[in-house]
């Protein structure tokens, strides 16, 4: 049995399966398309055969489907030659790598794995036959990463993983947003998704004057995090309510999904919004991080 690592395009190469599967059954029996193998050290690899092990790395860039990175491993069945030097195979006996291993936004130097270092330098879709020493090195680095990242008492959601990966950056982003308005790039798609999610009304006030509504990030992740512009990390807010969020004068209780205002707003027109329910609410892990920051700022004032 030979092991191959497949770097795949989520939209084109995983047979319509979920780019970020929550359980192995979502990928069991999926039909993968991939390029003919080469070797990390250079040159052609052997062809994939039934019974070979396939490690699947889905491309993390949103333009390529926003995959999980290192996602799953399984056994190749019914391997076929397709046009344009493409192979296909059915993936069976699937197991997932949880909570995942991603390259997007990697800021460090060498990872300790020649395979992963090669992926950092070569972003396009590829298939690699892994030598025994490369595979051992790869599994060692990934195993140590997963052991450190594994949460106590269960597997991590995508939101939990995003927060864990950028723990320091999240705090820096919240502090930066607190001290000044965050400089944002074009957010047309993000705003459009929130306009749809909240039916064109402010999530807190119900205001439907489009020109006053803004797309607010619950957590100001760096641009490298694919979930930054996911609707689950956003709120459609009237401009003044957005300002309250940015200044840590407003948060949402992650247990009740109700607005919590700073005591400094008592006696103002805003106080009528205190304890107002938000539906749909952003993802709970993001609200928990925001709420911790909110309480920290209230305690420091």
Protein backbone atom coordinates (compact mmCIF):
# COMPACT_ATOMS: atom_id res chain seq x y z
CA UNK A 1 0.00 0.00 0.00
CA UNK A 2 1.26 3.47 -0.96
CA UNK A 3 0.16 6.74 0.63
CA UNK A 4 -0.67 9.76 -1.49
CA UNK A 5 -1.42 13.31 -0.42
CA UNK A 6 -4.07 15.05 -2.55
CA UNK A 7 -4.26 18.86 -2.61
CA UNK A 8 -7.75 19.45 -4.01
CA UNK A 9 -10.01 22.27 -5.18
CA UNK A 10 -13.22 22.08 -3.13
CA UNK A 11 -15.53 23.23 -5.91
CA UNK A 12 -14.13 20.95 -8.60
CA UNK A 13 -12.50 17.91 -7.04
CA UNK A 14 -14.51 16.49 -4.11
CA UNK A 15 -17.69 15.43 -5.86
CA UNK A 16 -19.95 18.00 -4.25
CA UNK A 17 -19.13 16.89 -0.70
CA UNK A 18 -19.04 19.47 2.12
CA UNK A 19 -15.67 21.29 2.11
CA UNK A 20 -15.64 21.12 5.92
CA UNK A 21 -17.25 17.82 6.89
CA UNK A 22 -18.61 17.51 10.42
CA UNK A 23 -18.51 13.70 10.39
CA UNK A 24 -16.84 11.00 8.25
CA UNK A 25 -20.16 9.90 6.73
CA UNK A 26 -20.31 13.15 4.78
CA UNK A 27 -17.26 12.04 2.80
CA UNK A 28 -17.74 8.28 2.80
CA UNK A 29 -18.08 7.14 -0.81
CA UNK A 30 -17.37 10.55 -2.32
CA UNK A 31 -15.72 10.58 -5.73
CA UNK A 32 -12.42 12.48 -5.80
CA UNK A 33 -10.70 13.89 -8.89
CA UNK A 34 -6.97 14.52 -8.72
CA UNK A 35 -3.87 15.00 -10.83
CA UNK A 36 -1.44 12.19 -11.54
CA UNK A 37 1.16 11.86 -8.77
CA UNK A 38 4.55 13.48 -8.53
CA UNK A 39 7.12 13.35 -5.72
CA UNK A 40 8.07 16.03 -3.21
CA UNK A 41 11.71 15.46 -4.17
CA UNK A 42 10.86 15.85 -7.88
CA UNK A 43 9.87 13.60 -10.74
CA UNK A 44 6.86 11.41 -11.35
CA UNK A 45 5.26 9.24 -8.71
CA UNK A 46 3.68 5.83 -9.09
CA UNK A 47 0.06 5.59 -10.14
CA UNK A 48 -2.69 5.35 -7.51
CA UNK A 49 -4.19 1.86 -7.17
CA UNK A 50 -7.14 0.38 -5.32
CA UNK A 51 -6.29 -0.04 -1.65
CA UNK A 52 -3.82 2.84 -1.51
CA UNK A 53 -4.19 5.40 1.28
CA UNK A 54 -5.33 8.92 0.29
CA UNK A 55 -4.73 11.92 2.54
CA UNK A 56 -6.89 14.83 1.41
CA UNK A 57 -5.92 18.47 1.84
CA UNK A 58 -8.65 20.82 0.60
CA UNK A 59 -7.62 24.26 -0.64
CA UNK A 60 -8.32 26.82 2.07
CA UNK A 61 -8.71 29.93 -0.09
CA UNK A 62 -12.40 31.00 -0.32
CA UNK A 63 -11.93 31.38 -4.08
CA UNK A 64 -11.25 27.62 -4.21
CA UNK A 65 -14.13 26.63 -1.95
CA UNK A 66 -12.86 27.55 1.51
CA UNK A 67 -11.71 24.07 2.53
CA UNK A 68 -10.55 22.75 5.87
CA UNK A 69 -6.91 22.25 4.94
CA UNK A 70 -5.86 18.81 6.13
CA UNK A 71 -9.29 17.22 6.19
CA UNK A 72 -9.52 13.44 5.86
CA UNK A 73 -7.80 10.15 5.13
CA UNK A 74 -9.29 7.10 3.50
CA UNK A 75 -8.76 4.17 1.14
CA UNK A 76 -8.91 4.48 -2.67
CA UNK A 77 -11.43 2.28 -4.49
CA UNK A 78 -12.40 2.03 -8.14
CA UNK A 79 -9.47 4.12 -9.40
CA UNK A 80 -10.00 5.31 -12.96
CA UNK A 81 -8.19 7.31 -15.63
CA UNK A 82 -10.07 10.43 -16.69
CA UNK A 83 -9.41 12.84 -19.61
CA UNK A 84 -6.67 15.50 -19.33
CA UNK A 85 -4.31 13.36 -17.20
CA UNK A 86 -6.76 13.25 -14.29
CA UNK A 87 -7.45 10.28 -12.02
CA UNK A 88 -10.56 9.63 -9.99
CA UNK A 89 -11.25 7.35 -7.05
CA UNK A 90 -13.95 6.63 -4.51
CA UNK A 91 -12.88 7.39 -0.92
CA UNK A 92 -13.81 4.70 1.63
CA UNK A 93 -13.10 4.03 5.33
CA UNK A 94 -12.91 7.76 5.92
CA UNK A 95 -11.56 9.31 9.08
CA UNK A 96 -11.33 13.05 9.71
CA UNK A 97 -8.44 15.06 11.05
CA UNK A 98 -9.96 17.09 13.86
CA UNK A 99 -9.75 19.91 14.75
CA UNK A 100 -7.80 20.35 11.51
CA UNK A 101 -4.49 21.66 10.28
CA UNK A 102 -4.41 24.74 8.09
CA UNK A 103 -1.75 26.62 6.17
CA UNK A 104 -3.63 29.81 5.32
CA UNK A 105 -2.08 32.69 7.25
CA UNK A 106 0.92 30.60 8.41
CA UNK A 107 3.43 33.04 9.89
CA UNK A 108 6.13 30.70 11.14
CA UNK A 109 9.21 29.27 9.51
CA UNK A 110 9.76 25.59 8.69
CA UNK A 111 7.07 23.33 10.10
CA UNK A 112 9.29 20.33 10.72
CA UNK A 113 7.73 18.42 7.80
CA UNK A 114 9.19 18.57 4.31
CA UNK A 115 5.76 17.75 2.93
CA UNK A 116 4.00 20.63 4.70
CA UNK A 117 6.84 23.03 3.87
CA UNK A 118 6.45 22.04 0.23
CA UNK A 119 2.71 22.75 0.37
CA UNK A 120 3.45 26.21 1.76
CA UNK A 121 5.60 26.95 -1.28
CA UNK A 122 3.29 25.32 -3.83
CA UNK A 123 -0.32 26.38 -3.50
CA UNK A 124 -1.85 24.81 -6.62
CA UNK A 125 -3.67 21.48 -6.67
CA UNK A 126 -1.30 18.53 -6.82
CA UNK A 127 -0.99 14.83 -5.94
CA UNK A 128 2.14 13.64 -4.14
CA UNK A 129 3.37 10.12 -3.53
CA UNK A 130 4.88 10.17 -0.05
CA UNK A 131 8.09 8.33 0.76
CA UNK A 132 8.19 6.42 4.05
CA UNK A 133 10.41 8.98 5.79
CA UNK A 134 8.31 11.89 4.48
CA UNK A 135 5.13 10.21 5.68
CA UNK A 136 6.57 9.49 9.13
CA UNK A 137 7.76 13.08 9.48
CA UNK A 138 4.40 14.40 8.26
CA UNK A 139 2.37 12.26 10.67
CA UNK A 140 4.61 13.30 13.55
CA UNK A 141 4.12 17.03 12.95
CA UNK A 142 0.40 16.69 12.35
CA UNK A 143 -0.06 14.39 15.35
CA UNK A 144 1.67 16.85 17.69
CA UNK A 145 -0.44 19.69 16.30
CA UNK A 146 -3.69 17.80 16.78
CA UNK A 147 -2.72 16.73 20.30
CA UNK A 148 -2.06 20.35 21.30
CA UNK A 149 -5.17 21.63 19.55
CA UNK A 150 -7.64 18.99 20.75
CA UNK A 151 -10.20 20.58 23.10
CA UNK A 152 -11.07 18.96 26.42
CA UNK A 153 -14.34 17.06 26.26
CA UNK A 154 -15.01 17.01 22.53
CA UNK A 155 -14.12 18.12 19.04
CA UNK A 156 -13.80 21.76 18.01
CA UNK A 157 -16.13 23.57 15.67
CA UNK A 158 -14.77 25.67 12.83
CA UNK A 159 -15.47 28.73 14.96
CA UNK A 160 -13.61 27.31 17.98
CA UNK A 161 -10.66 26.40 15.76
CA UNK A 162 -10.49 29.86 14.19
CA UNK A 163 -10.44 31.44 17.63
CA UNK A 164 -7.79 29.01 18.89
CA UNK A 165 -5.51 29.53 15.89
CA UNK A 166 -5.58 33.31 16.24
CA UNK A 167 -5.97 33.68 20.00
CA UNK A 168 -3.48 36.56 20.33
CA UNK A 169 -4.58 38.20 17.09
CA UNK A 170 -8.23 38.16 18.20
CA UNK A 171 -7.38 40.05 21.38
CA UNK A 172 -5.19 42.48 19.42
CA UNK A 173 -8.01 43.00 16.93
CA UNK A 174 -10.56 43.70 19.65
CA UNK A 175 -8.19 46.17 21.34
CA UNK A 176 -7.43 47.84 18.00
CA UNK A 177 -11.12 48.16 17.20
CA UNK A 178 -11.78 49.52 20.70
CA UNK A 179 -9.16 52.24 20.35
CA UNK A 180 -10.00 53.29 16.80
CA UNK A 181 -12.19 52.41 13.85
CA UNK A 182 -10.85 49.30 12.11
CA UNK A 183 -9.70 49.94 8.56
CA UNK A 184 -11.77 47.57 6.45
CA UNK A 185 -11.31 46.46 2.86
CA UNK A 186 -14.21 46.20 0.47
CA UNK A 187 -16.95 44.16 2.14
CA UNK A 188 -19.58 44.10 -0.56
CA UNK A 189 -20.15 40.32 -0.44
CA UNK A 190 -20.07 40.23 3.37
CA UNK A 191 -22.60 43.06 3.60
CA UNK A 192 -24.84 41.44 0.99
CA UNK A 193 -24.87 38.17 2.94
CA UNK A 194 -25.84 40.00 6.13
CA UNK A 195 -28.52 42.02 4.35
CA UNK A 196 -30.06 38.70 3.32
CA UNK A 197 -29.56 37.07 6.74
CA UNK A 198 -31.29 39.95 8.57
CA UNK A 199 -33.83 40.79 5.85
CA UNK A 200 -32.39 44.25 5.37
CA UNK A 201 -32.96 45.38 8.98
CA UNK A 202 -30.62 46.16 11.83
CA UNK A 203 -30.24 43.02 13.99
CA UNK A 204 -30.81 45.05 17.16
CA UNK A 205 -32.98 48.10 16.37
CA UNK A 206 -35.02 46.79 13.44
CA UNK A 207 -34.10 49.89 11.41
CA UNK A 208 -34.57 49.22 7.67
CA UNK A 209 -33.02 52.39 6.22
CA UNK A 210 -30.41 50.73 4.02
CA UNK A 211 -28.08 53.71 3.85
CA UNK A 212 -27.60 53.58 7.64
CA UNK A 213 -26.85 49.85 7.86
CA UNK A 214 -23.31 48.49 8.14
CA UNK A 215 -21.75 45.03 8.10
CA UNK A 216 -20.12 44.51 11.49
CA UNK A 217 -17.62 41.77 12.33
CA UNK A 218 -18.21 40.19 15.73
CA UNK A 219 -14.54 39.16 15.85
CA UNK A 220 -12.05 41.24 13.81
CA UNK A 221 -9.97 38.32 12.56
CA UNK A 222 -7.01 39.02 10.29
CA UNK A 223 -7.64 38.72 6.56
CA UNK A 224 -5.97 35.27 6.58
CA UNK A 225 -8.89 33.62 8.36
CA UNK A 226 -11.41 32.25 5.89
CA UNK A 227 -14.25 32.61 8.42
CA UNK A 228 -13.68 36.35 8.80
CA UNK A 229 -16.44 37.20 6.34
CA UNK A 230 -18.77 34.32 7.15
CA UNK A 231 -22.30 35.49 8.11
CA UNK A 232 -21.86 33.61 11.41
CA UNK A 233 -19.20 36.21 12.32
CA UNK A 234 -21.36 39.18 11.39
CA UNK A 235 -24.18 41.46 12.43
CA UNK A 236 -26.10 43.94 10.30
CA UNK A 237 -26.18 47.06 12.46
CA UNK A 238 -27.27 50.65 12.22
CA UNK A 239 -24.16 52.83 12.16
CA UNK A 240 -24.51 54.15 15.73
CA UNK A 241 -25.12 50.64 17.11
CA UNK A 242 -22.05 49.46 15.21
CA UNK A 243 -20.08 52.21 16.97
CA UNK A 244 -21.31 50.96 20.36
CA UNK A 245 -20.12 47.45 19.47
CA UNK A 246 -16.70 48.71 18.40
CA UNK A 247 -16.31 50.74 21.61
CA UNK A 248 -17.21 47.74 23.83
CA UNK A 249 -20.38 49.48 25.04
CA UNK A 250 -22.53 46.67 23.66
CA UNK A 251 -22.25 42.89 23.46
CA UNK A 252 -24.54 39.88 23.16
CA UNK A 253 -24.86 37.37 25.98
CA UNK A 254 -23.72 34.04 24.44
CA UNK A 255 -26.09 32.05 26.66
CA UNK A 256 -29.31 34.02 26.09
CA UNK A 257 -28.51 35.75 22.76
CA UNK A 258 -29.73 39.03 24.25
CA UNK A 259 -28.14 42.45 24.05
CA UNK A 260 -26.09 43.57 27.04
CA UNK A 261 -25.26 47.28 27.33
CA UNK A 262 -22.63 49.05 29.38
CA UNK A 263 -23.96 50.59 32.59
CA UNK A 264 -22.66 53.91 31.25
CA UNK A 265 -25.60 53.91 28.80
CA UNK A 266 -28.25 53.89 31.53
CA UNK A 267 -30.51 56.89 31.18
CA UNK A 268 -29.92 57.16 27.42
CA UNK A 269 -32.26 56.27 24.57
CA UNK A 270 -30.12 53.19 23.97
CA UNK A 271 -31.07 51.59 27.27
CA UNK A 272 -34.38 50.39 25.84
CA UNK A 273 -32.31 47.95 23.75
CA UNK A 274 -30.82 46.26 26.82
CA UNK A 275 -31.77 42.55 26.96
CA UNK A 276 -33.30 42.67 23.47
CA UNK A 277 -33.13 39.26 21.74
CA UNK A 278 -31.01 38.88 18.60
CA UNK A 279 -32.19 36.33 16.04
CA UNK A 280 -30.44 34.91 14.14
CA UNK A 281 -27.45 35.28 16.42
CA UNK A 282 -23.81 34.96 15.36
CA UNK A 283 -21.90 31.79 16.24
CA UNK A 284 -21.69 31.22 20.00
CA UNK A 285 -17.85 30.90 20.19
CA UNK A 286 -17.53 34.36 18.63
CA UNK A 287 -20.09 35.84 21.01
CA UNK A 288 -18.24 34.29 23.96
CA UNK A 289 -14.97 35.93 22.91
CA UNK A 290 -16.69 39.29 22.38
CA UNK A 291 -18.53 39.03 25.72
CA UNK A 292 -15.30 38.32 27.61
CA UNK A 293 -13.72 41.41 26.05
CA UNK A 294 -16.82 43.50 26.84
CA UNK A 295 -16.74 42.46 30.52
CA UNK A 296 -13.01 43.16 30.71
CA UNK A 297 -13.57 46.70 29.46
CA UNK A 298 -16.45 47.28 31.87
CA UNK A 299 -14.33 46.12 34.80
CA UNK A 300 -11.45 48.38 33.78
CA UNK A 301 -13.60 51.53 33.62
